[in-house]
Amino acid sequence: MILGLRTALYPAPDLAAAKKWYSEVLGQAPSFDAPYYVGFSVGGFELGLVPDGQPGTAGAQPLWGVADIVAAYSRLLELGATALEVVTDVGEGIRVAAVTDPFGNRFGIIENPHFDRSAVS
């Protein structure tokens, strides 16, 4: 049985640079930091950086929740990300967007006023 999102992994061949960038994006230090994996606790979920693998924008596409998607999208671009998918209203007040992080990975965000945090376990 699938219980919901727990971890989203991002390939990071330059683990030190990725750790620094994601620390800035998330506004926090990693909760786990080792040469083989760096993890950040984000709203009850884990964003993980792994030194193995090839960065890319295809494949799994997790969306990380934000309160203000326009501000979050702008901040990601200011921090060195590249525009991939502009902010788009997909209906019912839900908006999505995506950037390419400085390491070549797709980083998606979502503003969803219907998300129920109490349903996260």
N, C-alpha and C. Protein backbone atom coordinates (compact mmCIF):
# COMPACT_ATOMS: atom_id res chain seq x y z
N MET A 1 0.84 -1.18 0.00
CA MET A 1 0.00 0.00 0.00
C MET A 1 0.88 1.25 0.00
N ILE A 2 0.56 2.19 -0.85
CA ILE A 2 1.30 3.45 -0.92
C ILE A 2 0.74 4.39 0.14
N LEU A 3 1.62 4.96 0.95
CA LEU A 3 1.21 5.81 2.06
C LEU A 3 1.34 7.30 1.77
N GLY A 4 1.96 7.68 0.65
CA GLY A 4 2.12 9.08 0.31
C GLY A 4 3.59 9.43 0.17
N LEU A 5 3.85 10.62 -0.31
CA LEU A 5 5.21 11.07 -0.53
C LEU A 5 6.00 11.05 0.77
N ARG A 6 7.17 10.48 0.75
CA ARG A 6 8.06 10.48 1.91
C ARG A 6 9.37 11.16 1.57
N THR A 7 9.94 10.81 0.40
CA THR A 7 11.25 11.32 0.00
C THR A 7 11.27 11.56 -1.50
N ALA A 8 11.86 12.65 -1.90
CA ALA A 8 12.14 12.92 -3.31
C ALA A 8 13.65 13.02 -3.44
N LEU A 9 14.23 12.19 -4.29
CA LEU A 9 15.68 12.16 -4.47
C LEU A 9 16.10 12.95 -5.70
N TYR A 10 17.17 13.72 -5.54
CA TYR A 10 17.72 14.49 -6.63
C TYR A 10 19.19 14.12 -6.81
N PRO A 11 19.59 13.70 -8.02
CA PRO A 11 21.01 13.43 -8.27
C PRO A 11 21.81 14.72 -8.10
N ALA A 12 22.96 14.62 -7.46
CA ALA A 12 23.80 15.79 -7.18
C ALA A 12 25.27 15.40 -7.28
N PRO A 13 25.80 15.30 -8.50
CA PRO A 13 27.21 14.91 -8.65
C PRO A 13 28.18 15.82 -7.87
N ASP A 14 27.86 17.11 -7.75
CA ASP A 14 28.63 18.02 -6.90
C ASP A 14 27.83 18.21 -5.62
N LEU A 15 27.96 17.26 -4.71
CA LEU A 15 27.14 17.22 -3.50
C LEU A 15 27.31 18.48 -2.65
N ALA A 16 28.52 18.98 -2.54
CA ALA A 16 28.76 20.18 -1.71
C ALA A 16 28.02 21.39 -2.28
N ALA A 17 28.09 21.59 -3.59
CA ALA A 17 27.40 22.72 -4.22
C ALA A 17 25.90 22.57 -4.11
N ALA A 18 25.41 21.34 -4.30
CA ALA A 18 23.97 21.10 -4.20
C ALA A 18 23.49 21.33 -2.77
N LYS A 19 24.25 20.87 -1.80
CA LYS A 19 23.89 21.08 -0.39
C LYS A 19 23.79 22.57 -0.09
N LYS A 20 24.72 23.34 -0.58
CA LYS A 20 24.71 24.78 -0.34
C LYS A 20 23.49 25.43 -1.00
N TRP A 21 23.22 25.07 -2.25
CA TRP A 21 22.10 25.67 -2.98
C TRP A 21 20.77 25.31 -2.34
N TYR A 22 20.56 24.04 -2.05
CA TYR A 22 19.30 23.62 -1.45
C TYR A 22 19.14 24.16 -0.03
N SER A 23 20.21 24.33 0.71
CA SER A 23 20.13 24.97 2.03
C SER A 23 19.58 26.39 1.89
N GLU A 24 20.05 27.09 0.86
CA GLU A 24 19.58 28.45 0.61
C GLU A 24 18.12 28.44 0.16
N VAL A 25 17.77 27.56 -0.76
CA VAL A 25 16.39 27.47 -1.26
C VAL A 25 15.42 27.15 -0.12
N LEU A 26 15.78 26.20 0.71
CA LEU A 26 14.89 25.73 1.77
C LEU A 26 14.99 26.57 3.05
N GLY A 27 16.03 27.38 3.16
CA GLY A 27 16.19 28.21 4.35
C GLY A 27 16.55 27.42 5.58
N GLN A 28 17.27 26.31 5.40
CA GLN A 28 17.65 25.47 6.54
C GLN A 28 18.83 24.60 6.19
N ALA A 29 19.49 24.14 7.23
CA ALA A 29 20.60 23.19 7.06
C ALA A 29 20.03 21.78 6.88
N PRO A 30 20.82 20.88 6.33
CA PRO A 30 20.34 19.50 6.20
C PRO A 30 20.07 18.87 7.57
N SER A 31 19.13 17.94 7.58
CA SER A 31 18.86 17.17 8.80
C SER A 31 19.74 15.92 8.84
N PHE A 32 20.29 15.54 7.70
CA PHE A 32 21.22 14.42 7.60
C PHE A 32 22.27 14.80 6.58
N ASP A 33 23.54 14.63 6.94
CA ASP A 33 24.62 15.08 6.07
C ASP A 33 25.76 14.06 6.09
N ALA A 34 25.91 13.32 5.02
CA ALA A 34 26.96 12.32 4.89
C ALA A 34 27.52 12.39 3.47
N PRO A 35 28.70 11.83 3.24
CA PRO A 35 29.29 11.87 1.89
C PRO A 35 28.45 11.14 0.84
N TYR A 36 27.56 10.25 1.26
CA TYR A 36 26.77 9.45 0.33
C TYR A 36 25.32 9.91 0.23
N TYR A 37 24.89 10.89 1.06
CA TYR A 37 23.51 11.34 1.05
C TYR A 37 23.37 12.58 1.93
N VAL A 38 22.62 13.57 1.43
CA VAL A 38 22.27 14.75 2.22
C VAL A 38 20.76 14.85 2.20
N GLY A 39 20.14 14.92 3.38
CA GLY A 39 18.69 14.98 3.46
C GLY A 39 18.21 16.23 4.18
N PHE A 40 17.12 16.78 3.68
CA PHE A 40 16.47 17.94 4.29
C PHE A 40 15.06 17.55 4.68
N SER A 41 14.64 17.90 5.88
CA SER A 41 13.27 17.68 6.32
C SER A 41 12.44 18.88 5.88
N VAL A 42 11.44 18.61 5.05
CA VAL A 42 10.62 19.68 4.47
C VAL A 42 9.14 19.35 4.70
N GLY A 43 8.56 19.97 5.70
CA GLY A 43 7.14 19.79 5.95
C GLY A 43 6.72 18.36 6.20
N GLY A 44 7.57 17.60 6.86
CA GLY A 44 7.25 16.22 7.14
C GLY A 44 7.74 15.24 6.07
N PHE A 45 8.33 15.75 5.02
CA PHE A 45 8.85 14.93 3.94
C PHE A 45 10.36 15.13 3.84
N GLU A 46 11.02 14.34 3.01
CA GLU A 46 12.47 14.45 2.86
C GLU A 46 12.83 14.79 1.43
N LEU A 47 13.67 15.79 1.27
CA LEU A 47 14.30 16.09 0.00
C LEU A 47 15.72 15.57 0.12
N GLY A 48 16.07 14.59 -0.69
CA GLY A 48 17.36 13.94 -0.57
C GLY A 48 18.26 14.22 -1.76
N LEU A 49 19.53 14.45 -1.49
CA LEU A 49 20.54 14.65 -2.52
C LEU A 49 21.47 13.44 -2.52
N VAL A 50 21.65 12.84 -3.68
CA VAL A 50 22.53 11.68 -3.81
C VAL A 50 23.60 11.97 -4.85
N PRO A 51 24.87 11.63 -4.55
CA PRO A 51 25.95 11.94 -5.47
C PRO A 51 25.96 11.06 -6.72
N ASP A 52 25.25 9.97 -6.70
CA ASP A 52 25.18 9.08 -7.86
C ASP A 52 23.98 9.46 -8.72
N GLY A 53 24.02 9.08 -9.97
CA GLY A 53 22.90 9.34 -10.85
C GLY A 53 23.15 10.52 -11.76
N GLN A 54 22.33 10.60 -12.77
CA GLN A 54 22.45 11.65 -13.77
C GLN A 54 21.31 12.65 -13.59
N PRO A 55 21.63 13.93 -13.33
CA PRO A 55 20.57 14.92 -13.22
C PRO A 55 19.77 15.00 -14.52
N GLY A 56 18.52 15.39 -14.40
CA GLY A 56 17.68 15.54 -15.58
C GLY A 56 16.32 16.08 -15.22
N THR A 57 15.54 16.41 -16.24
CA THR A 57 14.21 16.97 -16.02
C THR A 57 13.10 15.98 -16.40
N ALA A 58 13.46 14.79 -16.84
CA ALA A 58 12.47 13.76 -17.16
C ALA A 58 12.34 12.79 -15.97
N GLY A 59 11.38 11.94 -16.02
CA GLY A 59 11.22 10.96 -14.94
C GLY A 59 10.26 11.46 -13.89
N ALA A 60 10.43 11.00 -12.67
CA ALA A 60 9.54 11.39 -11.58
C ALA A 60 9.55 12.91 -11.41
N GLN A 61 8.38 13.46 -11.12
CA GLN A 61 8.26 14.91 -11.01
C GLN A 61 7.51 15.31 -9.75
N PRO A 62 8.18 15.23 -8.59
CA PRO A 62 7.51 15.66 -7.36
C PRO A 62 7.25 17.16 -7.39
N LEU A 63 6.20 17.56 -6.69
CA LEU A 63 5.87 18.98 -6.55
C LEU A 63 5.94 19.33 -5.07
N TRP A 64 6.71 20.36 -4.75
CA TRP A 64 6.87 20.80 -3.37
C TRP A 64 5.94 21.98 -3.12
N GLY A 65 5.20 21.90 -2.03
CA GLY A 65 4.21 22.92 -1.71
C GLY A 65 4.82 24.25 -1.32
N VAL A 66 4.19 25.32 -1.76
CA VAL A 66 4.57 26.68 -1.40
C VAL A 66 3.30 27.47 -1.11
N ALA A 67 3.43 28.52 -0.31
CA ALA A 67 2.28 29.36 0.02
C ALA A 67 2.01 30.40 -1.06
N ASP A 68 3.06 30.91 -1.69
CA ASP A 68 2.94 31.95 -2.73
C ASP A 68 3.82 31.53 -3.90
N ILE A 69 3.22 30.95 -4.92
CA ILE A 69 4.00 30.37 -6.01
C ILE A 69 4.76 31.41 -6.82
N VAL A 70 4.20 32.59 -6.99
CA VAL A 70 4.89 33.63 -7.76
C VAL A 70 6.17 34.05 -7.03
N ALA A 71 6.07 34.27 -5.74
CA ALA A 71 7.25 34.65 -4.96
C ALA A 71 8.27 33.51 -4.92
N ALA A 72 7.81 32.28 -4.73
CA ALA A 72 8.73 31.14 -4.67
C ALA A 72 9.43 30.93 -6.00
N TYR A 73 8.71 31.03 -7.10
CA TYR A 73 9.28 30.87 -8.43
C TYR A 73 10.35 31.94 -8.68
N SER A 74 10.03 33.18 -8.35
CA SER A 74 10.99 34.28 -8.52
C SER A 74 12.24 34.05 -7.68
N ARG A 75 12.07 33.59 -6.46
CA ARG A 75 13.22 33.35 -5.58
C ARG A 75 14.10 32.24 -6.13
N LEU A 76 13.50 31.17 -6.63
CA LEU A 76 14.29 30.09 -7.23
C LEU A 76 15.13 30.61 -8.39
N LEU A 77 14.55 31.46 -9.22
CA LEU A 77 15.29 32.03 -10.35
C LEU A 77 16.43 32.93 -9.84
N GLU A 78 16.14 33.72 -8.81
CA GLU A 78 17.18 34.59 -8.23
C GLU A 78 18.34 33.79 -7.67
N LEU A 79 18.05 32.58 -7.19
CA LEU A 79 19.09 31.73 -6.59
C LEU A 79 19.84 30.89 -7.63
N GLY A 80 19.56 31.12 -8.91
CA GLY A 80 20.34 30.46 -9.94
C GLY A 80 19.64 29.35 -10.70
N ALA A 81 18.37 29.10 -10.41
CA ALA A 81 17.62 28.11 -11.18
C ALA A 81 17.26 28.72 -12.55
N THR A 82 16.88 27.86 -13.47
CA THR A 82 16.48 28.27 -14.81
C THR A 82 15.01 27.94 -15.01
N ALA A 83 14.28 28.86 -15.61
CA ALA A 83 12.86 28.63 -15.86
C ALA A 83 12.66 27.38 -16.72
N LEU A 84 11.73 26.53 -16.30
CA LEU A 84 11.39 25.33 -17.06
C LEU A 84 9.92 25.35 -17.43
N GLU A 85 9.05 25.57 -16.45
CA GLU A 85 7.60 25.68 -16.67
C GLU A 85 7.11 26.89 -15.88
N VAL A 86 6.57 27.88 -16.56
CA VAL A 86 6.10 29.09 -15.89
C VAL A 86 4.91 28.76 -14.99
N VAL A 87 4.60 29.67 -14.09
CA VAL A 87 3.46 29.50 -13.20
C VAL A 87 2.19 29.34 -14.04
N THR A 88 1.47 28.24 -13.78
CA THR A 88 0.27 27.93 -14.56
C THR A 88 -0.86 27.56 -13.62
N ASP A 89 -2.03 28.17 -13.85
CA ASP A 89 -3.23 27.83 -13.10
C ASP A 89 -3.82 26.57 -13.72
N VAL A 90 -3.92 25.52 -12.92
CA VAL A 90 -4.45 24.26 -13.44
C VAL A 90 -5.89 24.02 -12.97
N GLY A 91 -6.51 25.03 -12.39
CA GLY A 91 -7.90 24.93 -11.98
C GLY A 91 -8.08 24.86 -10.48
N GLU A 92 -9.24 25.31 -10.02
CA GLU A 92 -9.63 25.27 -8.62
C GLU A 92 -8.63 25.96 -7.69
N GLY A 93 -7.97 27.00 -8.19
CA GLY A 93 -7.03 27.75 -7.37
C GLY A 93 -5.66 27.11 -7.22
N ILE A 94 -5.42 26.02 -7.92
CA ILE A 94 -4.14 25.31 -7.85
C ILE A 94 -3.23 25.83 -8.96
N ARG A 95 -2.02 26.19 -8.57
CA ARG A 95 -1.04 26.67 -9.55
C ARG A 95 0.26 25.87 -9.40
N VAL A 96 0.88 25.57 -10.54
CA VAL A 96 2.12 24.81 -10.56
C VAL A 96 3.17 25.53 -11.40
N ALA A 97 4.43 25.19 -11.16
CA ALA A 97 5.55 25.73 -11.93
C ALA A 97 6.75 24.81 -11.71
N ALA A 98 7.76 24.97 -12.53
CA ALA A 98 8.98 24.19 -12.35
C ALA A 98 10.17 24.96 -12.88
N VAL A 99 11.31 24.67 -12.27
CA VAL A 99 12.59 25.23 -12.70
C VAL A 99 13.56 24.07 -12.87
N THR A 100 14.67 24.37 -13.50
CA THR A 100 15.79 23.44 -13.52
C THR A 100 16.78 23.96 -12.50
N ASP A 101 17.14 23.12 -11.53
CA ASP A 101 18.11 23.57 -10.52
C ASP A 101 19.49 23.71 -11.17
N PRO A 102 20.46 24.33 -10.50
CA PRO A 102 21.77 24.55 -11.11
C PRO A 102 22.51 23.26 -11.48
N PHE A 103 21.95 22.12 -11.09
CA PHE A 103 22.62 20.84 -11.32
C PHE A 103 21.95 20.04 -12.43
N GLY A 104 20.87 20.59 -13.02
CA GLY A 104 20.20 19.96 -14.14
C GLY A 104 18.94 19.19 -13.81
N ASN A 105 18.48 19.24 -12.55
CA ASN A 105 17.27 18.52 -12.15
C ASN A 105 16.03 19.41 -12.25
N ARG A 106 14.91 18.79 -12.53
CA ARG A 106 13.63 19.48 -12.48
C ARG A 106 13.25 19.64 -11.01
N PHE A 107 12.82 20.85 -10.62
CA PHE A 107 12.35 21.13 -9.27
C PHE A 107 10.98 21.77 -9.41
N GLY A 108 9.93 21.01 -9.07
CA GLY A 108 8.57 21.48 -9.24
C GLY A 108 7.99 22.02 -7.95
N ILE A 109 7.13 23.02 -8.09
CA ILE A 109 6.45 23.62 -6.93
C ILE A 109 4.95 23.70 -7.21
N ILE A 110 4.17 23.70 -6.14
CA ILE A 110 2.71 23.77 -6.26
C ILE A 110 2.14 24.64 -5.14
N GLU A 111 1.19 25.47 -5.51
CA GLU A 111 0.39 26.23 -4.54
C GLU A 111 -1.00 25.60 -4.61
N ASN A 112 -1.37 24.89 -3.55
CA ASN A 112 -2.62 24.15 -3.55
C ASN A 112 -3.41 24.52 -2.29
N PRO A 113 -4.40 25.40 -2.43
CA PRO A 113 -5.17 25.81 -1.25
C PRO A 113 -6.02 24.69 -0.66
N HIS A 114 -6.13 23.57 -1.35
CA HIS A 114 -6.95 22.45 -0.88
C HIS A 114 -6.14 21.39 -0.13
N PHE A 115 -4.80 21.56 -0.09
CA PHE A 115 -3.96 20.55 0.57
C PHE A 115 -4.28 20.53 2.06
N ASP A 116 -4.53 19.35 2.59
CA ASP A 116 -4.89 19.17 4.00
C ASP A 116 -3.68 18.61 4.75
N ARG A 117 -2.96 19.47 5.45
CA ARG A 117 -1.78 19.03 6.20
C ARG A 117 -2.13 18.00 7.27
N SER A 118 -3.32 18.04 7.78
CA SER A 118 -3.68 17.09 8.83
C SER A 118 -3.79 15.66 8.29
N ALA A 119 -3.88 15.52 6.97
CA ALA A 119 -3.97 14.19 6.36
C ALA A 119 -2.60 13.56 6.17
N VAL A 120 -1.52 14.32 6.41
CA VAL A 120 -0.16 13.80 6.25
C VAL A 120 0.18 12.96 7.48
N SER A 121 0.65 11.75 7.22
CA SER A 121 1.04 10.89 8.35
C SER A 121 2.41 10.32 8.13
